[in-house]
Amino acid sequence: MLIEWSGQQQLLFLMKSIPVGALIGVIFSAINGMERKRIFCFRLFIADVLFFILSALITFFASLVIMDGHLHPILFGGLMIGFSFVHFLCGRHIAWFIRTVGNGCKTLLKFVQRIPIERLFKR
C-alpha cells in the first residue's frame, strides 16, 4: 500500500521527530557522562547494549505515534537532526552535569556513612 503525504504533513512529521532525536541525544550524552574510564569492559558493553535497545524502542514508539507505524526517511532525518543538535551543541554540558551530580552523590554518601548512627538514637 503506497501512502501519499502532502508536503505539509511531511514537514510536520519531521518537526515532530526532531525532539525524539534530541531525547536520544540526551540519553547518549548522559551515558557518556559517566566516568567511562572506571567502568570495566563488560559494564561498558552492557551500557552500550542498553543504549542501543532503548534508542530502538524510542524510535519504534516514535514511528508508531508520529507516523502510524510507517518507517520513512523523514523520521530518521528528524532523529538525526535532533541527535546532532544535542550532541554537538550541549553534549559536553550534559556530560559535565552528570559527572558533577555523580561526584556530589558519591561525596554525600561518604559523608553520610561517617555519621555514627548509634549515637543519634541513643537514649
Protein backbone atom coordinates (compact mmCIF):
# COMPACT_ATOMS: atom_id res chain seq x y z
CA MET A 1 0.00 0.00 0.00
CA LEU A 2 1.53 3.28 -1.11
CA ILE A 3 0.89 6.24 1.13
CA GLU A 4 0.93 9.74 -0.27
CA TRP A 5 1.73 12.51 2.18
CA SER A 6 1.49 16.17 1.38
CA GLY A 7 4.45 18.46 1.89
CA GLN A 8 2.82 19.97 4.95
CA GLN A 9 2.35 16.53 6.54
CA GLN A 10 5.95 15.58 5.79
CA LEU A 11 7.21 18.81 7.38
CA LEU A 12 5.01 18.15 10.41
CA PHE A 13 6.42 14.61 10.73
CA LEU A 14 9.95 16.00 10.50
CA MET A 15 9.26 18.61 13.17
CA LYS A 16 7.70 16.02 15.48
CA SER A 17 10.64 13.64 15.14
CA ILE A 18 13.34 16.23 15.97
CA PRO A 19 12.55 16.29 19.74
CA VAL A 20 12.64 12.49 19.79
CA GLY A 21 16.15 12.60 18.30
CA ALA A 22 17.06 15.20 20.91
CA LEU A 23 15.85 12.82 23.64
CA ILE A 24 18.08 10.08 22.25
CA GLY A 25 20.97 12.57 22.18
CA VAL A 26 20.40 13.48 25.84
CA ILE A 27 20.41 9.79 26.80
CA PHE A 28 23.61 9.25 24.81
CA SER A 29 25.30 12.24 26.46
CA ALA A 30 24.17 11.07 29.90
CA ILE A 31 25.65 7.61 29.33
CA ASN A 32 28.87 9.16 28.07
CA GLY A 33 28.87 11.47 31.09
CA MET A 34 29.53 8.58 33.39
CA GLU A 35 33.16 8.05 34.18
CA ARG A 36 33.81 5.54 31.45
CA LYS A 37 37.46 5.14 32.42
CA ARG A 38 36.49 3.40 35.64
CA ILE A 39 33.87 1.16 34.07
CA PHE A 40 35.06 -2.32 33.23
CA CYS A 41 34.79 -3.52 29.65
CA PHE A 42 31.80 -5.76 30.37
CA ARG A 43 29.87 -2.95 32.08
CA LEU A 44 30.69 -0.64 29.18
CA PHE A 45 29.40 -3.26 26.76
CA ILE A 46 26.20 -3.63 28.80
CA ALA A 47 25.73 0.18 28.87
CA ASP A 48 26.14 0.34 25.10
CA VAL A 49 23.72 -2.53 24.53
CA LEU A 50 21.15 -0.93 26.83
CA PHE A 51 21.52 2.37 24.94
CA PHE A 52 21.01 0.55 21.65
CA ILE A 53 17.89 -1.22 22.92
CA LEU A 54 16.50 1.97 24.49
CA SER A 55 17.07 4.03 21.36
CA ALA A 56 15.50 1.30 19.21
CA LEU A 57 12.42 1.24 21.45
CA ILE A 58 12.18 5.04 21.40
CA THR A 59 12.45 5.03 17.61
CA PHE A 60 9.83 2.29 17.31
CA PHE A 61 7.33 4.08 19.54
CA ALA A 62 8.04 7.39 17.83
CA SER A 63 7.25 5.82 14.47
CA LEU A 64 4.03 4.41 15.93
CA VAL A 65 2.93 7.70 17.44
CA ILE A 66 4.15 10.15 14.82
CA MET A 67 3.74 8.26 11.55
CA ASP A 68 1.25 5.48 12.41
CA GLY A 69 3.97 2.82 12.36
CA HIS A 70 5.34 3.63 8.91
CA LEU A 71 9.08 3.96 8.56
CA HIS A 72 10.06 6.82 6.32
CA PRO A 73 13.35 8.65 5.73
CA ILE A 74 11.72 11.77 7.16
CA LEU A 75 11.56 10.10 10.58
CA PHE A 76 15.22 9.14 10.52
CA GLY A 77 16.19 12.57 9.20
CA GLY A 78 14.40 14.24 12.09
CA LEU A 79 16.02 11.87 14.58
CA MET A 80 19.42 12.63 13.10
CA ILE A 81 18.84 16.40 13.22
CA GLY A 82 17.69 16.27 16.87
CA PHE A 83 20.52 13.98 17.94
CA SER A 84 23.14 16.11 16.17
CA PHE A 85 21.74 19.30 17.69
CA VAL A 86 22.02 17.97 21.23
CA HIS A 87 25.28 16.10 20.74
CA PHE A 88 27.25 18.90 19.13
CA LEU A 89 25.78 21.90 20.96
CA CYS A 90 25.20 20.78 24.52
CA GLY A 91 26.51 17.21 24.82
CA ARG A 92 29.58 18.30 26.78
CA HIS A 93 27.46 20.27 29.22
CA ILE A 94 25.14 17.33 29.83
CA ALA A 95 28.11 15.01 30.37
CA TRP A 96 29.69 17.53 32.78
CA PHE A 97 26.41 17.83 34.69
CA ILE A 98 26.08 14.05 35.02
CA ARG A 99 29.69 13.75 36.24
CA THR A 100 29.21 16.60 38.73
CA VAL A 101 25.99 15.17 40.13
CA GLY A 102 27.56 11.71 40.33
CA ASN A 103 30.61 13.00 42.17
CA GLY A 104 28.38 15.03 44.50
CA CYS A 105 26.31 11.94 45.30
CA LYS A 106 29.48 9.94 46.00
CA THR A 107 30.76 12.65 48.35
CA LEU A 108 27.40 12.88 50.12
CA LEU A 109 27.27 9.10 50.52
CA LYS A 110 30.76 9.04 52.03
CA PHE A 111 29.74 11.81 54.44
CA VAL A 112 26.54 10.02 55.48
CA GLN A 113 28.42 6.77 56.03
CA ARG A 114 30.72 8.52 58.53
CA ILE A 115 27.83 9.66 60.76
CA PRO A 116 27.65 7.47 63.87
CA ILE A 117 24.02 6.38 63.70
CA GLU A 118 24.15 4.56 67.05
CA ARG A 119 24.90 7.83 68.86
CA LEU A 120 21.97 9.59 67.19
CA PHE A 121 19.40 7.14 68.52
CA LYS A 122 20.96 6.63 71.95
CA ARG A 123 18.62 7.29 74.88
